[in-house]
């Protein structure tokens, strides 16, 4: 898609990564490893690979904006006990979505 955007429009100024699949809402202890790995592969690796392809194209044309969209389960505090076990939450209680909190272009 990045190549198509560059060929069609001469560059890449903005990109949106929106990857995610629903997994069974089971407690972590009951989730099969293959289901866990597939979920992480789509939800995290998909966005990571998108960012890796987008940054060089944006850098080549002087910069741009990448928007990463995550599911509400990445930040919801009231989504239920099953969801709470899957998300990251620091001690101060402020939900974090790690890829969106990092600086990729410096």
PDB file of N, CA and C in Angstrom:
ATOM      1  N   UNK A   1       0.817  -1.192   0.000  1.00  0.00           N
ATOM      2  CA  UNK A   1       0.000   0.000   0.000  1.00  0.00           C
ATOM      3  C   UNK A   1       0.858   1.252   0.000  1.00  0.00           C
ATOM      4  N   UNK A   2       1.974   1.218   0.726  1.00  0.00           N
ATOM      5  CA  UNK A   2       2.866   2.373   0.742  1.00  0.00           C
ATOM      6  C   UNK A   2       3.413   2.623  -0.660  1.00  0.00           C
ATOM      7  N   UNK A   3       3.818   1.564  -1.336  1.00  0.00           N
ATOM      8  CA  UNK A   3       4.333   1.702  -2.701  1.00  0.00           C
ATOM      9  C   UNK A   3       3.262   2.276  -3.626  1.00  0.00           C
ATOM     10  N   UNK A   4       2.043   1.801  -3.505  1.00  0.00           N
ATOM     11  CA  UNK A   4       0.942   2.303  -4.322  1.00  0.00           C
ATOM     12  C   UNK A   4       0.702   3.788  -4.050  1.00  0.00           C
ATOM     13  N   UNK A   5       0.725   4.189  -2.796  1.00  0.00           N
ATOM     14  CA  UNK A   5       0.529   5.600  -2.451  1.00  0.00           C
ATOM     15  C   UNK A   5       1.644   6.465  -3.035  1.00  0.00           C
ATOM     16  N   UNK A   6       2.868   5.984  -2.953  1.00  0.00           N
ATOM     17  CA  UNK A   6       3.993   6.759  -3.492  1.00  0.00           C
ATOM     18  C   UNK A   6       3.894   6.892  -5.004  1.00  0.00           C
ATOM     19  N   UNK A   7       3.529   5.809  -5.676  1.00  0.00           N
ATOM     20  CA  UNK A   7       3.411   5.847  -7.136  1.00  0.00           C
ATOM     21  C   UNK A   7       2.232   6.709  -7.579  1.00  0.00           C
ATOM     22  N   UNK A   8       1.132   6.607  -6.877  1.00  0.00           N
ATOM     23  CA  UNK A   8      -0.090   7.314  -7.264  1.00  0.00           C
ATOM     24  C   UNK A   8      -0.053   8.797  -6.901  1.00  0.00           C
ATOM     25  N   UNK A   9       0.434   9.102  -5.697  1.00  0.00           N
ATOM     26  CA  UNK A   9       0.365  10.468  -5.189  1.00  0.00           C
ATOM     27  C   UNK A   9       1.725  11.150  -5.036  1.00  0.00           C
ATOM     28  N   UNK A  10       2.787  10.432  -5.322  1.00  0.00           N
ATOM     29  CA  UNK A  10       4.115  11.026  -5.248  1.00  0.00           C
ATOM     30  C   UNK A  10       4.736  11.025  -3.867  1.00  0.00           C
ATOM     31  N   UNK A  11       4.091  10.463  -2.897  1.00  0.00           N
ATOM     32  CA  UNK A  11       4.637  10.412  -1.548  1.00  0.00           C
ATOM     33  C   UNK A  11       3.593   9.920  -0.570  1.00  0.00           C
ATOM     34  N   UNK A  12       3.975   9.929   0.685  1.00  0.00           N
ATOM     35  CA  UNK A  12       3.067   9.505   1.753  1.00  0.00           C
ATOM     36  C   UNK A  12       3.129  10.544   2.861  1.00  0.00           C
ATOM     37  N   UNK A  13       2.014  11.219   3.101  1.00  0.00           N
ATOM     38  CA  UNK A  13       1.947  12.262   4.122  1.00  0.00           C
ATOM     39  C   UNK A  13       1.250  11.805   5.389  1.00  0.00           C
ATOM     40  N   UNK A  14       0.303  10.898   5.238  1.00  0.00           N
ATOM     41  CA  UNK A  14      -0.462  10.421   6.388  1.00  0.00           C
ATOM     42  C   UNK A  14      -0.772   8.941   6.197  1.00  0.00           C
ATOM     43  N   UNK A  15      -0.765   8.212   7.296  1.00  0.00           N
ATOM     44  CA  UNK A  15      -1.102   6.783   7.260  1.00  0.00           C
ATOM     45  C   UNK A  15      -1.914   6.447   8.502  1.00  0.00           C
ATOM     46  N   UNK A  16      -2.759   5.454   8.359  1.00  0.00           N
ATOM     47  CA  UNK A  16      -3.578   4.989   9.471  1.00  0.00           C
ATOM     48  C   UNK A  16      -3.423   3.477   9.587  1.00  0.00           C
ATOM     49  N   UNK A  17      -2.996   3.027  10.728  1.00  0.00           N
ATOM     50  CA  UNK A  17      -2.884   1.595  11.008  1.00  0.00           C
ATOM     51  C   UNK A  17      -4.030   1.205  11.923  1.00  0.00           C
ATOM     52  N   UNK A  18      -4.834   0.266  11.459  1.00  0.00           N
ATOM     53  CA  UNK A  18      -5.975  -0.184  12.239  1.00  0.00           C
ATOM     54  C   UNK A  18      -6.063  -1.699  12.084  1.00  0.00           C
ATOM     55  N   UNK A  19      -5.390  -2.409  12.957  1.00  0.00           N
ATOM     56  CA  UNK A  19      -5.373  -3.871  12.888  1.00  0.00           C
ATOM     57  C   UNK A  19      -5.897  -4.434  14.198  1.00  0.00           C
ATOM     58  N   UNK A  20      -6.694  -5.476  14.101  1.00  0.00           N
ATOM     59  CA  UNK A  20      -7.172  -6.101  15.319  1.00  0.00           C
ATOM     60  C   UNK A  20      -8.125  -7.236  15.035  1.00  0.00           C
ATOM     61  N   UNK A  21      -8.064  -8.215  15.888  1.00  0.00           N
ATOM     62  CA  UNK A  21      -8.999  -9.330  15.817  1.00  0.00           C
ATOM     63  C   UNK A  21      -9.560  -9.584  17.202  1.00  0.00           C
ATOM     64  N   UNK A  22     -10.721 -10.140  17.235  1.00  0.00           N
ATOM     65  CA  UNK A  22     -11.348 -10.487  18.509  1.00  0.00           C
ATOM     66  C   UNK A  22     -10.910 -11.887  18.917  1.00  0.00           C
ATOM     67  N   UNK A  23     -10.565 -12.021  20.145  1.00  0.00           N
ATOM     68  CA  UNK A  23     -10.213 -13.317  20.712  1.00  0.00           C
ATOM     69  C   UNK A  23     -11.259 -13.685  21.752  1.00  0.00           C
ATOM     70  N   UNK A  24     -11.371 -14.956  22.072  1.00  0.00           N
ATOM     71  CA  UNK A  24     -12.329 -15.341  23.112  1.00  0.00           C
ATOM     72  C   UNK A  24     -12.024 -14.604  24.419  1.00  0.00           C
ATOM     73  N   UNK A  25     -13.047 -14.148  25.083  1.00  0.00           N
ATOM     74  CA  UNK A  25     -12.878 -13.411  26.338  1.00  0.00           C
ATOM     75  C   UNK A  25     -12.740 -14.386  27.501  1.00  0.00           C
ATOM     76  N   UNK A  26     -11.680 -15.162  27.474  1.00  0.00           N
ATOM     77  CA  UNK A  26     -11.399 -16.113  28.549  1.00  0.00           C
ATOM     78  C   UNK A  26     -10.355 -15.547  29.487  1.00  0.00           C
ATOM     79  N   UNK A  27     -10.340 -15.992  30.725  1.00  0.00           N
ATOM     80  CA  UNK A  27      -9.223 -15.612  31.604  1.00  0.00           C
ATOM     81  C   UNK A  27      -7.907 -16.072  30.976  1.00  0.00           C
ATOM     82  N   UNK A  28      -6.853 -15.335  31.216  1.00  0.00           N
ATOM     83  CA  UNK A  28      -5.556 -15.621  30.613  1.00  0.00           C
ATOM     84  C   UNK A  28      -5.127 -17.073  30.820  1.00  0.00           C
ATOM     85  N   UNK A  29      -5.386 -17.619  31.971  1.00  0.00           N
ATOM     86  CA  UNK A  29      -4.982 -18.998  32.259  1.00  0.00           C
ATOM     87  C   UNK A  29      -5.649 -20.018  31.339  1.00  0.00           C
ATOM     88  N   UNK A  30      -6.736 -19.642  30.689  1.00  0.00           N
ATOM     89  CA  UNK A  30      -7.467 -20.568  29.822  1.00  0.00           C
ATOM     90  C   UNK A  30      -7.271 -20.313  28.325  1.00  0.00           C
ATOM     91  N   UNK A  31      -6.480 -19.311  27.979  1.00  0.00           N
ATOM     92  CA  UNK A  31      -6.272 -18.982  26.567  1.00  0.00           C
ATOM     93  C   UNK A  31      -5.180 -19.881  25.995  1.00  0.00           C
ATOM     94  N   UNK A  32      -5.483 -20.629  24.924  1.00  0.00           N
ATOM     95  CA  UNK A  32      -4.450 -21.461  24.302  1.00  0.00           C
ATOM     96  C   UNK A  32      -3.331 -20.582  23.724  1.00  0.00           C
ATOM     97  N   UNK A  33      -2.109 -21.065  23.781  1.00  0.00           N
ATOM     98  CA  UNK A  33      -0.958 -20.291  23.317  1.00  0.00           C
ATOM     99  C   UNK A  33      -1.084 -19.894  21.852  1.00  0.00           C
ATOM    100  N   UNK A  34      -1.606 -20.764  21.001  1.00  0.00           N
ATOM    101  CA  UNK A  34      -1.728 -20.418  19.589  1.00  0.00           C
ATOM    102  C   UNK A  34      -2.707 -19.260  19.374  1.00  0.00           C
ATOM    103  N   UNK A  35      -3.762 -19.192  20.169  1.00  0.00           N
ATOM    104  CA  UNK A  35      -4.710 -18.083  20.075  1.00  0.00           C
ATOM    105  C   UNK A  35      -4.045 -16.788  20.532  1.00  0.00           C
ATOM    106  N   UNK A  36      -3.308 -16.847  21.624  1.00  0.00           N
ATOM    107  CA  UNK A  36      -2.581 -15.687  22.145  1.00  0.00           C
ATOM    108  C   UNK A  36      -1.600 -15.161  21.107  1.00  0.00           C
ATOM    109  N   UNK A  37      -0.817 -16.055  20.516  1.00  0.00           N
ATOM    110  CA  UNK A  37       0.189 -15.640  19.527  1.00  0.00           C
ATOM    111  C   UNK A  37      -0.453 -15.050  18.276  1.00  0.00           C
ATOM    112  N   UNK A  38      -1.548 -15.638  17.819  1.00  0.00           N
ATOM    113  CA  UNK A  38      -2.226 -15.111  16.633  1.00  0.00           C
ATOM    114  C   UNK A  38      -2.773 -13.713  16.913  1.00  0.00           C
ATOM    115  N   UNK A  39      -3.361 -13.518  18.075  1.00  0.00           N
ATOM    116  CA  UNK A  39      -3.896 -12.212  18.438  1.00  0.00           C
ATOM    117  C   UNK A  39      -2.796 -11.159  18.472  1.00  0.00           C
ATOM    118  N   UNK A  40      -1.685 -11.465  19.125  1.00  0.00           N
ATOM    119  CA  UNK A  40      -0.569 -10.518  19.176  1.00  0.00           C
ATOM    120  C   UNK A  40       0.027 -10.275  17.798  1.00  0.00           C
ATOM    121  N   UNK A  41       0.100 -11.322  16.985  1.00  0.00           N
ATOM    122  CA  UNK A  41       0.645 -11.179  15.643  1.00  0.00           C
ATOM    123  C   UNK A  41      -0.160 -10.182  14.820  1.00  0.00           C
ATOM    124  N   UNK A  42      -1.465 -10.307  14.861  1.00  0.00           N
ATOM    125  CA  UNK A  42      -2.315  -9.385  14.094  1.00  0.00           C
ATOM    126  C   UNK A  42      -2.339  -8.004  14.746  1.00  0.00           C
ATOM    127  N   UNK A  43      -2.631  -7.951  16.042  1.00  0.00           N
ATOM    128  CA  UNK A  43      -2.839  -6.678  16.726  1.00  0.00           C
ATOM    129  C   UNK A  43      -1.565  -5.838  16.856  1.00  0.00           C
ATOM    130  N   UNK A  44      -0.449  -6.453  17.141  1.00  0.00           N
ATOM    131  CA  UNK A  44       0.796  -5.701  17.348  1.00  0.00           C
ATOM    132  C   UNK A  44       1.719  -5.746  16.144  1.00  0.00           C
ATOM    133  N   UNK A  45       2.000  -6.947  15.651  1.00  0.00           N
ATOM    134  CA  UNK A  45       2.935  -7.065  14.533  1.00  0.00           C
ATOM    135  C   UNK A  45       2.393  -6.371  13.285  1.00  0.00           C
ATOM    136  N   UNK A  46       1.095  -6.447  13.053  1.00  0.00           N
ATOM    137  CA  UNK A  46       0.513  -5.793  11.882  1.00  0.00           C
ATOM    138  C   UNK A  46       0.760  -4.293  11.895  1.00  0.00           C
ATOM    139  N   UNK A  47       0.548  -3.661  13.033  1.00  0.00           N
ATOM    140  CA  UNK A  47       0.800  -2.222  13.166  1.00  0.00           C
ATOM    141  C   UNK A  47       2.292  -1.932  13.056  1.00  0.00           C
ATOM    142  N   UNK A  48       3.119  -2.748  13.682  1.00  0.00           N
ATOM    143  CA  UNK A  48       4.572  -2.578  13.631  1.00  0.00           C
ATOM    144  C   UNK A  48       5.079  -2.615  12.194  1.00  0.00           C
ATOM    145  N   UNK A  49       4.631  -3.594  11.420  1.00  0.00           N
ATOM    146  CA  UNK A  49       5.072  -3.706  10.028  1.00  0.00           C
ATOM    147  C   UNK A  49       4.582  -2.516   9.200  1.00  0.00           C
ATOM    148  N   UNK A  50       3.379  -2.049   9.482  1.00  0.00           N
ATOM    149  CA  UNK A  50       2.882  -0.863   8.798  1.00  0.00           C
ATOM    150  C   UNK A  50       3.757   0.345   9.073  1.00  0.00           C
ATOM    151  N   UNK A  51       4.090   0.559  10.330  1.00  0.00           N
ATOM    152  CA  UNK A  51       4.937   1.693  10.723  1.00  0.00           C
ATOM    153  C   UNK A  51       6.304   1.592  10.056  1.00  0.00           C
ATOM    154  N   UNK A  52       6.875   0.394  10.037  1.00  0.00           N
ATOM    155  CA  UNK A  52       8.187   0.213   9.412  1.00  0.00           C
ATOM    156  C   UNK A  52       8.169   0.578   7.935  1.00  0.00           C
ATOM    157  N   UNK A  53       7.089   0.284   7.246  1.00  0.00           N
ATOM    158  CA  UNK A  53       6.990   0.618   5.824  1.00  0.00           C
ATOM    159  C   UNK A  53       6.693   2.108   5.621  1.00  0.00           C
ATOM    160  N   UNK A  54       5.957   2.711   6.527  1.00  0.00           N
ATOM    161  CA  UNK A  54       5.519   4.094   6.364  1.00  0.00           C
ATOM    162  C   UNK A  54       6.601   5.119   6.675  1.00  0.00           C
ATOM    163  N   UNK A  55       7.411   4.879   7.682  1.00  0.00           N
ATOM    164  CA  UNK A  55       8.398   5.876   8.101  1.00  0.00           C
ATOM    165  C   UNK A  55       9.376   6.241   6.986  1.00  0.00           C
ATOM    166  N   UNK A  56       9.999   5.286   6.292  1.00  0.00           N
ATOM    167  CA  UNK A  56      10.923   5.689   5.225  1.00  0.00           C
ATOM    168  C   UNK A  56      10.235   6.507   4.122  1.00  0.00           C
ATOM    169  N   UNK A  57       9.012   6.153   3.773  1.00  0.00           N
ATOM    170  CA  UNK A  57       8.282   6.901   2.744  1.00  0.00           C
ATOM    171  C   UNK A  57       7.997   8.323   3.208  1.00  0.00           C
ATOM    172  N   UNK A  58       7.657   8.485   4.474  1.00  0.00           N
ATOM    173  CA  UNK A  58       7.379   9.818   5.005  1.00  0.00           C
ATOM    174  C   UNK A  58       8.657  10.635   5.154  1.00  0.00           C
ATOM    175  N   UNK A  59       9.701   9.984   5.605  1.00  0.00           N
ATOM    176  CA  UNK A  59      10.983  10.664   5.749  1.00  0.00           C
ATOM    177  C   UNK A  59      11.462  11.187   4.398  1.00  0.00           C
ATOM    178  N   UNK A  60      11.250  10.410   3.339  1.00  0.00           N
ATOM    179  CA  UNK A  60      11.678  10.791   1.999  1.00  0.00           C
ATOM    180  C   UNK A  60      10.973  12.047   1.492  1.00  0.00           C
ATOM    181  N   UNK A  61       9.773  12.318   1.991  1.00  0.00           N
ATOM    182  CA  UNK A  61       9.058  13.519   1.536  1.00  0.00           C
ATOM    183  C   UNK A  61       8.969  14.591   2.619  1.00  0.00           C
ATOM    184  N   UNK A  62       9.830  14.511   3.612  1.00  0.00           N
ATOM    185  CA  UNK A  62       9.927  15.569   4.611  1.00  0.00           C
ATOM    186  C   UNK A  62       9.106  15.384   5.871  1.00  0.00           C
ATOM    187  N   UNK A  63       8.477  14.232   6.048  1.00  0.00           N
ATOM    188  CA  UNK A  63       7.725  13.964   7.268  1.00  0.00           C
ATOM    189  C   UNK A  63       6.278  13.640   6.987  1.00  0.00           C
ATOM    190  N   UNK A  64       5.558  13.340   8.030  1.00  0.00           N
ATOM    191  CA  UNK A  64       4.156  12.985   7.892  1.00  0.00           C
ATOM    192  C   UNK A  64       3.565  12.614   9.239  1.00  0.00           C
ATOM    193  N   UNK A  65       2.369  12.067   9.194  1.00  0.00           N
ATOM    194  CA  UNK A  65       1.650  11.701  10.405  1.00  0.00           C
ATOM    195  C   UNK A  65       1.192  10.257  10.304  1.00  0.00           C
ATOM    196  N   UNK A  66       1.414   9.493  11.380  1.00  0.00           N
ATOM    197  CA  UNK A  66       0.922   8.119  11.461  1.00  0.00           C
ATOM    198  C   UNK A  66      -0.097   8.064  12.593  1.00  0.00           C
ATOM    199  N   UNK A  67      -1.271   7.585  12.280  1.00  0.00           N
ATOM    200  CA  UNK A  67      -2.326   7.420  13.269  1.00  0.00           C
ATOM    201  C   UNK A  67      -2.519   5.931  13.493  1.00  0.00           C
ATOM    202  N   UNK A  68      -2.346   5.483  14.729  1.00  0.00           N
ATOM    203  CA  UNK A  68      -2.575   4.087  15.085  1.00  0.00           C
ATOM    204  C   UNK A  68      -3.862   4.000  15.889  1.00  0.00           C
ATOM    205  N   UNK A  69      -4.777   3.192  15.390  1.00  0.00           N
ATOM    206  CA  UNK A  69      -6.065   3.048  16.058  1.00  0.00           C
ATOM    207  C   UNK A  69      -6.083   1.706  16.784  1.00  0.00           C
ATOM    208  N   UNK A  70      -6.440   1.755  18.045  1.00  0.00           N
ATOM    209  CA  UNK A  70      -6.525   0.535  18.850  1.00  0.00           C
ATOM    210  C   UNK A  70      -7.970   0.316  19.274  1.00  0.00           C
ATOM    211  N   UNK A  71      -8.265  -0.893  19.598  1.00  0.00           N
ATOM    212  CA  UNK A  71      -9.588  -1.232  20.089  1.00  0.00           C
ATOM    213  C   UNK A  71      -9.798  -0.625  21.473  1.00  0.00           C
ATOM    214  N   UNK A  72     -11.032  -0.439  21.837  1.00  0.00           N
ATOM    215  CA  UNK A  72     -11.362   0.093  23.157  1.00  0.00           C
ATOM    216  C   UNK A  72     -10.835  -0.814  24.262  1.00  0.00           C
ATOM    217  N   UNK A  73     -10.661  -2.098  23.979  1.00  0.00           N
ATOM    218  CA  UNK A  73     -10.162  -3.000  25.020  1.00  0.00           C
ATOM    219  C   UNK A  73      -8.726  -2.685  25.406  1.00  0.00           C
ATOM    220  N   UNK A  74      -8.025  -1.909  24.579  1.00  0.00           N
ATOM    221  CA  UNK A  74      -6.673  -1.499  24.936  1.00  0.00           C
ATOM    222  C   UNK A  74      -6.640  -0.428  26.005  1.00  0.00           C
ATOM    223  N   UNK A  75      -7.748   0.267  26.213  1.00  0.00           N
ATOM    224  CA  UNK A  75      -7.767   1.367  27.173  1.00  0.00           C
ATOM    225  C   UNK A  75      -8.950   1.337  28.140  1.00  0.00           C
ATOM    226  N   UNK A  76      -9.947   0.513  27.889  1.00  0.00           N
ATOM    227  CA  UNK A  76     -11.146   0.522  28.735  1.00  0.00           C
ATOM    228  C   UNK A  76     -10.864  -0.069  30.105  1.00  0.00           C
ATOM    229  N   UNK A  77     -11.299   0.627  31.126  1.00  0.00           N
ATOM    230  CA  UNK A  77     -11.103   0.106  32.475  1.00  0.00           C
ATOM    231  C   UNK A  77     -12.325  -0.641  32.980  1.00  0.00           C
ATOM    232  N   UNK A  78     -13.448  -0.515  32.269  1.00  0.00           N
ATOM    233  CA  UNK A  78     -14.665  -1.162  32.742  1.00  0.00           C
ATOM    234  C   UNK A  78     -15.167  -2.223  31.754  1.00  0.00           C
ATOM    235  N   UNK A  79     -14.256  -2.780  30.966  1.00  0.00           N
ATOM    236  CA  UNK A  79     -14.659  -3.757  29.949  1.00  0.00           C
ATOM    237  C   UNK A  79     -14.866  -5.149  30.524  1.00  0.00           C
ATOM    238  N   UNK A  80     -14.611  -5.323  31.785  1.00  0.00           N
ATOM    239  CA  UNK A  80     -14.851  -6.623  32.415  1.00  0.00           C
ATOM    240  C   UNK A  80     -13.559  -7.274  32.873  1.00  0.00           C
ATOM    241  N   UNK A  81     -13.660  -8.235  33.776  1.00  0.00           N
ATOM    242  CA  UNK A  81     -12.462  -8.859  34.345  1.00  0.00           C
ATOM    243  C   UNK A  81     -11.646  -9.631  33.314  1.00  0.00           C
ATOM    244  N   UNK A  82     -12.284 -10.193  32.290  1.00  0.00           N
ATOM    245  CA  UNK A  82     -11.521 -10.938  31.290  1.00  0.00           C
ATOM    246  C   UNK A  82     -10.624 -10.012  30.486  1.00  0.00           C
ATOM    247  N   UNK A  83     -11.178  -8.875  30.081  1.00  0.00           N
ATOM    248  CA  UNK A  83     -10.414  -7.927  29.277  1.00  0.00           C
ATOM    249  C   UNK A  83      -9.297  -7.303  30.100  1.00  0.00           C
ATOM    250  N   UNK A  84      -9.572  -7.007  31.349  1.00  0.00           N
ATOM    251  CA  UNK A  84      -8.586  -6.350  32.205  1.00  0.00           C
ATOM    252  C   UNK A  84      -7.287  -7.163  32.292  1.00  0.00           C
ATOM    253  N   UNK A  85      -7.378  -8.472  32.199  1.00  0.00           N
ATOM    254  CA  UNK A  85      -6.172  -9.286  32.300  1.00  0.00           C
ATOM    255  C   UNK A  85      -5.304  -9.188  31.058  1.00  0.00           C
ATOM    256  N   UNK A  86      -5.831  -8.693  29.939  1.00  0.00           N
ATOM    257  CA  UNK A  86      -5.083  -8.619  28.692  1.00  0.00           C
ATOM    258  C   UNK A  86      -4.379  -7.290  28.474  1.00  0.00           C
ATOM    259  N   UNK A  87      -4.798  -6.258  29.165  1.00  0.00           N
ATOM    260  CA  UNK A  87      -4.268  -4.946  28.858  1.00  0.00           C
ATOM    261  C   UNK A  87      -3.147  -4.551  29.818  1.00  0.00           C
ATOM    262  N   UNK A  88      -2.408  -3.537  29.433  1.00  0.00           N
ATOM    263  CA  UNK A  88      -1.328  -3.040  30.268  1.00  0.00           C
ATOM    264  C   UNK A  88      -1.824  -1.815  31.029  1.00  0.00           C
ATOM    265  N   UNK A  89      -1.526  -1.764  32.301  1.00  0.00           N
ATOM    266  CA  UNK A  89      -1.917  -0.603  33.084  1.00  0.00           C
ATOM    267  C   UNK A  89      -0.833  -0.329  34.112  1.00  0.00           C
ATOM    268  N   UNK A  90      -0.205   0.841  34.040  1.00  0.00           N
ATOM    269  CA  UNK A  90       0.826   1.173  35.026  1.00  0.00           C
ATOM    270  C   UNK A  90       0.213   1.462  36.391  1.00  0.00           C
ATOM    271  N   UNK A  91       1.045   1.572  37.416  1.00  0.00           N
ATOM    272  CA  UNK A  91       0.541   1.770  38.783  1.00  0.00           C
ATOM    273  C   UNK A  91      -0.359   2.989  38.959  1.00  0.00           C
ATOM    274  N   UNK A  92      -0.165   4.046  38.155  1.00  0.00           N
ATOM    275  CA  UNK A  92      -1.007   5.232  38.328  1.00  0.00           C
ATOM    276  C   UNK A  92      -2.401   5.059  37.733  1.00  0.00           C
ATOM    277  N   UNK A  93      -2.658   3.912  37.085  1.00  0.00           N
ATOM    278  CA  UNK A  93      -3.986   3.611  36.576  1.00  0.00           C
ATOM    279  C   UNK A  93      -4.286   4.181  35.209  1.00  0.00           C
ATOM    280  N   UNK A  94      -3.370   4.932  34.609  1.00  0.00           N
ATOM    281  CA  UNK A  94      -3.600   5.519  33.292  1.00  0.00           C
ATOM    282  C   UNK A  94      -3.294   4.485  32.213  1.00  0.00           C
ATOM    283  N   UNK A  95      -4.285   4.051  31.450  1.00  0.00           N
ATOM    284  CA  UNK A  95      -4.048   3.043  30.415  1.00  0.00           C
ATOM    285  C   UNK A  95      -3.025   3.523  29.386  1.00  0.00           C
ATOM    286  N   UNK A  96      -2.236   2.601  28.906  1.00  0.00           N
ATOM    287  CA  UNK A  96      -1.216   2.912  27.917  1.00  0.00           C
ATOM    288  C   UNK A  96      -1.392   2.024  26.699  1.00  0.00           C
ATOM    289  N   UNK A  97      -1.174   2.558  25.542  1.00  0.00           N
ATOM    290  CA  UNK A  97      -1.103   1.785  24.319  1.00  0.00           C
ATOM    291  C   UNK A  97       0.314   2.027  23.804  1.00  0.00           C
ATOM    292  N   UNK A  98       1.245   1.100  24.083  1.00  0.00           N
ATOM    293  CA  UNK A  98       2.671   1.341  23.909  1.00  0.00           C
ATOM    294  C   UNK A  98       3.108   1.880  22.545  1.00  0.00           C
ATOM    295  N   UNK A  99       2.611   1.361  21.432  1.00  0.00           N
ATOM    296  CA  UNK A  99       3.068   1.847  20.132  1.00  0.00           C
ATOM    297  C   UNK A  99       2.711   3.301  19.906  1.00  0.00           C
ATOM    298  N   UNK A 100       1.635   3.761  20.502  1.00  0.00           N
ATOM    299  CA  UNK A 100       1.225   5.152  20.318  1.00  0.00           C
ATOM    300  C   UNK A 100       1.949   6.098  21.273  1.00  0.00           C
ATOM    301  N   UNK A 101       2.659   5.583  22.233  1.00  0.00           N
ATOM    302  CA  UNK A 101       3.355   6.429  23.197  1.00  0.00           C
ATOM    303  C   UNK A 101       4.828   6.598  22.843  1.00  0.00           C
ATOM    304  N   UNK A 102       5.267   5.983  21.774  1.00  0.00           N
ATOM    305  CA  UNK A 102       6.672   6.041  21.387  1.00  0.00           C
ATOM    306  C   UNK A 102       6.880   7.039  20.266  1.00  0.00           C
ATOM    307  N   UNK A 103       8.097   7.537  20.177  1.00  0.00           N
ATOM    308  CA  UNK A 103       8.453   8.409  19.073  1.00  0.00           C
ATOM    309  C   UNK A 103       9.218   7.573  18.056  1.00  0.00           C
ATOM    310  N   UNK A 104       8.683   7.480  16.867  1.00  0.00           N
ATOM    311  CA  UNK A 104       9.313   6.650  15.846  1.00  0.00           C
ATOM    312  C   UNK A 104      10.212   7.465  14.938  1.00  0.00           C
ATOM    313  N   UNK A 105       9.905   8.730  14.726  1.00  0.00           N
ATOM    314  CA  UNK A 105      10.722   9.598  13.870  1.00  0.00           C
ATOM    315  C   UNK A 105      11.337  10.665  14.749  1.00  0.00           C
ATOM    316  N   UNK A 106      12.632  10.767  14.714  1.00  0.00           N
ATOM    317  CA  UNK A 106      13.304  11.808  15.507  1.00  0.00           C
ATOM    318  C   UNK A 106      14.150  12.658  14.616  1.00  0.00           C
TER     319      UNK A 106
END
